[in-house]
Amino acid sequence: MDLRQLEYFVAVAEESSFTRAAARVHVVQSAVSAAIKTLERELGAALLDRNSKRVLLTDAGEALLPKAQAVLDAAVEARDAVAQVEGGLKGTVRIGTLTAMTLVDLPGLLGEFHRRHPGVLVRTSAATAGSAGLVEQLLDRRLDLAFVSLPGEVPDGIVLDELAHSVMDLVVPDDHPLAARAEVSVVDLAGMDFIDSPLGYGNRAVADRAFAACAVPRRVTLEMSDIFTGVDYVRNGLGIALLPSYILGDARGVTTLKVTGADLRWPIGLARPADRAPAAAARALIAVVHEFLDR
């Protein structure tokens, strides 16, 4: 049994797929399959159920998984300890990001981190299922850190450091009946057609929670995966939208109103799993994030 076999086994277990596991560890699928078969022979037990549409763990696999994860974590800590003695931090940090990260200067932040720790590889992946999807990847050990928007209670198993926030305003077409007003009560928005992000996205959660808290019904008729297109949809008369002011710029053809009587504060934070301490490279990135944003 070696670390490579355990790494491949954990990747397959967490991804529920040989294909995704191979992409994650950057080898061909046949190499992953061969390594796990060798591990099964050495242990004298089947670890994976390969007969289902998804790759599932057998009872033996379920028993091995937490032990394998602990061994891999210990190996990372051992490498970190040696690297610190040798005078240079090394390792990899897997970080998830939101599609709308303007509140945080991510290129500038990562550039600063790279200048300080050139031996650390930072792998970023953009959210395809919003903050909820990033949280799932943290809990599944597919990410070490993630920039997320999590209004309300922090999910179980997650540690969250809030970094910044923006308040969402109502954006309407210039010819909308509300366009002549400077502000509008949330109760006056009942029954109107909204443009919003899909469920699971932080800004959608903020709006849904705010309207639910006021017992005001809200109808989303158009979902957008890219919040920066929201202004264009509004300008073309397809609905109204709640958008953060920092993405509006000098948008033409639309009017912005303050919404009263509702909490539309959209937070951005840095999340990490609560069940394991971050490795040295991740700790260094966390420190740079806070230092960079406190300037």
Protein backbone atom coordinates (compact mmCIF):
# COMPACT_ATOMS: atom_id res chain seq x y z
CA MET A 1 0.00 0.00 0.00
CA ASP A 2 1.38 3.42 -0.92
CA LEU A 3 0.24 7.04 -0.86
CA ARG A 4 -0.49 7.08 -4.59
CA GLN A 5 -2.95 4.19 -4.25
CA LEU A 6 -4.68 5.89 -1.32
CA GLU A 7 -4.83 9.20 -3.19
CA TYR A 8 -6.49 7.56 -6.18
CA PHE A 9 -8.91 5.63 -3.98
CA VAL A 10 -9.94 8.76 -2.09
CA ALA A 11 -10.39 10.67 -5.36
CA VAL A 12 -12.70 7.99 -6.77
CA ALA A 13 -14.63 7.76 -3.50
CA GLU A 14 -15.14 11.53 -3.29
CA GLU A 15 -15.92 12.03 -6.97
CA SER A 16 -18.04 8.84 -7.37
CA SER A 17 -16.45 8.51 -10.79
CA PHE A 18 -13.23 7.10 -12.24
CA THR A 19 -13.31 9.73 -15.00
CA ARG A 20 -13.58 12.70 -12.64
CA ALA A 21 -11.05 11.16 -10.26
CA ALA A 22 -8.51 10.75 -13.07
CA ALA A 23 -8.98 14.39 -14.09
CA ARG A 24 -8.57 15.46 -10.46
CA VAL A 25 -5.25 13.65 -9.96
CA HIS A 26 -4.08 14.42 -13.53
CA VAL A 27 -3.50 10.87 -14.77
CA VAL A 28 -5.24 8.63 -17.28
CA GLN A 29 -8.27 6.69 -16.06
CA SER A 30 -6.59 3.31 -16.62
CA ALA A 31 -3.85 4.27 -14.15
CA VAL A 32 -6.42 5.04 -11.46
CA SER A 33 -8.26 1.79 -12.08
CA ALA A 34 -5.06 -0.27 -12.02
CA ALA A 35 -3.82 1.32 -8.79
CA ILE A 36 -7.10 0.65 -6.99
CA LYS A 37 -7.24 -2.94 -8.20
CA THR A 38 -3.72 -3.44 -6.82
CA LEU A 39 -4.82 -1.89 -3.51
CA GLU A 40 -7.82 -4.24 -3.36
CA ARG A 41 -5.57 -7.25 -3.95
CA GLU A 42 -3.19 -6.13 -1.22
CA LEU A 43 -6.05 -5.65 1.25
CA GLY A 44 -7.93 -8.76 0.15
CA ALA A 45 -11.24 -6.92 -0.18
CA ALA A 46 -13.31 -5.11 -2.81
CA LEU A 47 -13.40 -1.41 -2.03
CA LEU A 48 -15.68 -0.18 -4.81
CA ASP A 49 -18.96 -1.35 -6.33
CA ARG A 50 -18.39 -1.02 -10.06
CA ASN A 51 -21.74 -2.47 -11.13
CA SER A 52 -23.83 0.63 -10.50
CA LYS A 53 -24.17 3.73 -12.68
CA ARG A 54 -22.23 5.60 -10.01
CA VAL A 55 -19.16 4.20 -8.34
CA LEU A 56 -20.15 3.35 -4.77
CA LEU A 57 -18.12 2.25 -1.76
CA THR A 58 -18.44 -1.24 -0.38
CA ASP A 59 -18.49 -1.76 3.40
CA ALA A 60 -14.72 -2.25 3.26
CA GLY A 61 -14.37 0.94 1.23
CA GLU A 62 -16.47 2.89 3.74
CA ALA A 63 -14.19 1.64 6.52
CA LEU A 64 -11.02 2.56 4.62
CA LEU A 65 -12.04 6.04 3.42
CA PRO A 66 -11.62 8.05 6.68
CA LYS A 67 -8.36 6.24 7.44
CA ALA A 68 -7.04 6.95 3.95
CA GLN A 69 -8.04 10.62 4.22
CA ALA A 70 -6.22 10.86 7.57
CA VAL A 71 -3.07 9.29 6.08
CA LEU A 72 -3.09 11.75 3.17
CA ASP A 73 -3.62 14.68 5.55
CA ALA A 74 -0.69 13.47 7.67
CA ALA A 75 1.48 13.22 4.56
CA VAL A 76 0.68 16.82 3.66
CA GLU A 77 1.58 17.94 7.20
CA ALA A 78 4.87 16.04 6.98
CA ARG A 79 5.75 17.71 3.67
CA ASP A 80 4.80 21.10 5.11
CA ALA A 81 7.06 20.58 8.13
CA VAL A 82 10.05 19.69 5.99
CA ALA A 83 9.40 22.55 3.57
CA GLN A 84 9.33 25.08 6.42
CA VAL A 85 12.67 23.81 7.72
CA GLU A 86 14.13 24.04 4.23
CA GLY A 87 12.95 27.64 4.04
CA GLY A 88 10.27 27.54 1.37
CA LEU A 89 6.55 26.84 1.56
CA LYS A 90 5.32 24.30 -0.99
CA GLY A 91 2.10 22.50 -1.75
CA THR A 92 -1.20 23.02 -3.52
CA VAL A 93 -4.27 25.00 -2.49
CA ARG A 94 -7.57 24.24 -4.22
CA ILE A 95 -9.84 27.25 -3.99
CA GLY A 96 -13.37 27.79 -5.30
CA THR A 97 -14.53 31.18 -6.53
CA LEU A 98 -17.81 32.87 -7.35
CA THR A 99 -18.64 34.03 -10.85
CA ALA A 100 -19.10 37.59 -9.56
CA MET A 101 -16.04 38.39 -7.44
CA THR A 102 -15.73 42.14 -8.01
CA LEU A 103 -15.96 42.86 -4.27
CA VAL A 104 -12.67 40.99 -3.87
CA ASP A 105 -9.76 41.71 -6.21
CA LEU A 106 -8.97 38.04 -6.75
CA PRO A 107 -6.21 38.52 -9.39
CA GLY A 108 -4.46 41.06 -7.18
CA LEU A 109 -4.84 38.87 -4.10
CA LEU A 110 -3.53 35.73 -5.78
CA GLY A 111 -0.71 37.71 -7.37
CA GLU A 112 0.38 38.92 -3.94
CA PHE A 113 0.24 35.37 -2.60
CA HIS A 114 2.30 34.07 -5.52
CA ARG A 115 5.00 36.68 -4.97
CA ARG A 116 5.29 35.64 -1.33
CA HIS A 117 5.00 31.90 -1.85
CA PRO A 118 6.11 31.01 -5.39
CA GLY A 119 6.44 27.35 -4.46
CA VAL A 120 2.71 26.96 -3.79
CA LEU A 121 0.43 26.01 -6.66
CA VAL A 122 -3.03 27.60 -6.45
CA ARG A 123 -5.75 25.80 -8.39
CA THR A 124 -8.93 27.82 -8.80
CA SER A 125 -12.32 26.56 -9.96
CA ALA A 126 -15.37 28.71 -10.64
CA ALA A 127 -18.73 27.88 -9.10
CA THR A 128 -21.11 26.14 -11.46
CA ALA A 129 -23.81 25.65 -8.83
CA GLY A 130 -23.33 28.80 -6.78
CA SER A 131 -22.21 28.96 -3.18
CA ALA A 132 -24.19 25.84 -2.32
CA GLY A 133 -22.12 23.87 -4.82
CA LEU A 134 -18.87 25.26 -3.38
CA VAL A 135 -19.92 24.25 0.14
CA GLU A 136 -20.62 20.74 -1.11
CA GLN A 137 -17.14 20.56 -2.65
CA LEU A 138 -15.57 21.72 0.63
CA LEU A 139 -17.42 19.06 2.59
CA ASP A 140 -16.46 16.42 -0.01
CA ARG A 141 -12.76 17.44 0.27
CA ARG A 142 -12.63 18.53 -3.35
CA LEU A 143 -11.71 22.09 -2.27
CA ASP A 144 -9.56 23.46 0.55
CA LEU A 145 -11.03 26.98 0.59
CA ALA A 146 -13.84 28.80 -1.20
CA PHE A 147 -15.09 32.34 -1.62
CA VAL A 148 -18.82 32.08 -0.98
CA SER A 149 -21.94 34.08 -0.24
CA LEU A 150 -23.83 32.46 2.64
CA PRO A 151 -26.52 34.69 4.16
CA GLY A 152 -28.10 33.41 7.34
CA GLU A 153 -26.77 30.50 9.35
CA VAL A 154 -23.45 28.96 8.38
CA PRO A 155 -23.92 25.38 7.13
CA ASP A 156 -22.86 22.53 9.40
CA GLY A 157 -19.27 21.51 8.89
CA ILE A 158 -18.16 24.92 7.59
CA VAL A 159 -16.04 27.69 9.11
CA LEU A 160 -16.77 31.08 7.53
CA ASP A 161 -14.83 34.36 7.71
CA GLU A 162 -16.88 37.25 6.34
CA LEU A 163 -14.76 39.50 4.17
CA ALA A 164 -16.99 42.13 2.57
CA HIS A 165 -20.58 42.87 1.65
CA SER A 166 -22.72 44.86 -0.74
CA VAL A 167 -26.36 45.92 -0.56
CA MET A 168 -28.55 44.94 -3.50
CA ASP A 169 -30.74 47.61 -5.07
CA LEU A 170 -33.77 47.27 -7.33
CA VAL A 171 -33.07 47.81 -11.03
CA VAL A 172 -35.98 48.60 -13.36
CA PRO A 173 -36.27 49.77 -17.00
CA ASP A 174 -36.41 53.53 -17.45
CA ASP A 175 -40.04 53.26 -18.62
CA HIS A 176 -41.17 51.17 -15.64
CA PRO A 177 -43.88 52.68 -13.36
CA LEU A 178 -41.43 52.59 -10.43
CA ALA A 179 -38.68 54.43 -12.31
CA ALA A 180 -39.84 57.85 -11.10
CA ARG A 181 -39.28 56.88 -7.45
CA ALA A 182 -36.06 56.96 -5.41
CA GLU A 183 -37.05 54.08 -3.19
CA VAL A 184 -39.72 51.42 -2.89
CA SER A 185 -41.03 49.27 -0.06
CA VAL A 186 -40.55 45.53 -0.41
CA VAL A 187 -44.30 45.01 0.00
CA ASP A 188 -44.91 47.01 -3.18
CA LEU A 189 -42.93 44.43 -5.19
CA ALA A 190 -45.33 41.54 -4.65
CA GLY A 191 -46.40 39.90 -7.89
CA MET A 192 -43.80 41.51 -10.11
CA ASP A 193 -41.64 39.47 -12.50
CA PHE A 194 -38.06 39.14 -11.30
CA ILE A 195 -34.82 38.24 -13.03
CA ASP A 196 -32.46 36.38 -10.70
CA SER A 197 -29.72 33.79 -10.39
CA PRO A 198 -30.61 30.11 -9.97
CA LEU A 199 -31.26 28.52 -6.59
CA GLY A 200 -28.02 27.88 -4.74
CA TYR A 201 -26.46 31.24 -5.64
CA GLY A 202 -25.78 33.63 -2.76
CA ASN A 203 -27.55 36.65 -4.22
CA ARG A 204 -30.65 34.52 -4.91
CA ALA A 205 -30.58 33.30 -1.29
CA VAL A 206 -30.38 36.89 -0.01
CA ALA A 207 -33.43 37.95 -2.02
CA ASP A 208 -35.48 34.84 -1.22
CA ARG A 209 -34.75 35.14 2.51
CA ALA A 210 -35.57 38.87 2.56
CA PHE A 211 -38.94 38.44 0.84
CA ALA A 212 -39.84 35.39 2.91
CA ALA A 213 -39.02 37.26 6.13
CA CYS A 214 -41.50 39.97 5.08
CA ALA A 215 -44.09 37.40 3.93
CA VAL A 216 -44.01 38.99 0.47
CA PRO A 217 -44.43 36.59 -2.48
CA ARG A 218 -41.84 36.87 -5.24
CA ARG A 219 -41.98 35.40 -8.73
CA VAL A 220 -38.75 34.68 -10.62
CA THR A 221 -39.56 34.30 -14.31
CA LEU A 222 -36.04 34.42 -15.78
CA GLU A 223 -32.90 32.86 -14.34
CA MET A 224 -29.41 34.02 -15.34
CA SER A 225 -26.14 32.23 -14.67
CA ASP A 226 -24.09 35.41 -15.10
CA ILE A 227 -25.20 38.23 -12.81
CA PHE A 228 -23.45 40.78 -15.02
CA THR A 229 -26.10 40.18 -17.70
CA GLY A 230 -28.86 41.21 -15.31
CA VAL A 231 -28.83 44.83 -16.41
CA ASP A 232 -29.22 43.82 -20.06
CA TYR A 233 -32.27 41.66 -19.28
CA VAL A 234 -33.83 44.52 -17.31
CA ARG A 235 -33.08 47.08 -20.01
CA ASN A 236 -34.90 44.91 -22.53
CA GLY A 237 -38.05 44.81 -20.44
CA LEU A 238 -37.87 41.15 -19.35
CA GLY A 239 -38.39 41.91 -15.67
CA ILE A 240 -36.87 43.71 -12.71
CA ALA A 241 -33.84 42.61 -10.71
CA LEU A 242 -32.07 43.00 -7.38
CA LEU A 243 -28.42 43.68 -8.17
CA PRO A 244 -25.40 44.91 -6.20
CA SER A 245 -24.40 48.46 -7.01
CA TYR A 246 -20.82 47.53 -7.87
CA ILE A 247 -21.83 45.78 -11.10
CA LEU A 248 -24.09 48.57 -12.37
CA GLY A 249 -21.43 51.11 -13.33
CA ASP A 250 -22.88 53.73 -15.70
CA ALA A 251 -25.56 51.38 -17.02
CA ARG A 252 -27.98 53.13 -19.37
CA GLY A 253 -31.66 52.48 -19.95
CA VAL A 254 -32.28 51.41 -16.36
CA THR A 255 -33.09 53.11 -13.06
CA THR A 256 -31.89 52.05 -9.61
CA LEU A 257 -34.06 52.29 -6.47
CA LYS A 258 -33.38 51.58 -2.81
CA VAL A 259 -35.59 48.88 -1.31
CA THR A 260 -36.89 49.59 2.19
CA GLY A 261 -38.21 47.17 4.77
CA ALA A 262 -35.96 44.26 3.77
CA ASP A 263 -32.46 43.04 4.55
CA LEU A 264 -30.74 42.84 1.15
CA ARG A 265 -27.17 42.72 2.42
CA TRP A 266 -25.10 40.37 0.20
CA PRO A 267 -22.04 39.02 2.05
CA ILE A 268 -18.86 37.54 0.62
CA GLY A 269 -16.77 35.28 2.84
CA LEU A 270 -13.96 32.73 2.85
CA ALA A 271 -15.12 29.24 3.83
CA ARG A 272 -13.20 26.13 4.84
CA PRO A 273 -14.11 22.71 6.25
CA ALA A 274 -14.51 22.52 10.02
CA ASP A 275 -13.48 18.88 10.38
CA ARG A 276 -9.81 19.33 9.50
CA ALA A 277 -7.15 21.97 10.04
CA PRO A 278 -5.98 23.73 6.89
CA ALA A 279 -2.55 22.76 5.60
CA ALA A 280 0.31 25.24 5.80
CA ALA A 281 -0.21 26.51 2.24
CA ALA A 282 -3.91 27.09 2.88
CA ARG A 283 -3.15 28.83 6.18
CA ALA A 284 -0.74 31.12 4.37
CA LEU A 285 -3.38 31.99 1.78
CA ILE A 286 -5.96 32.70 4.49
CA ALA A 287 -3.49 35.09 6.13
CA VAL A 288 -2.83 36.90 2.84
CA VAL A 289 -6.57 37.20 2.16
CA HIS A 290 -7.19 38.96 5.47
CA GLU A 291 -4.10 41.15 5.17
CA PHE A 292 -4.94 42.09 1.58
CA LEU A 293 -8.54 43.08 2.41
CA ASP A 294 -7.61 44.96 5.58
CA ARG A 295 -5.43 47.41 3.67
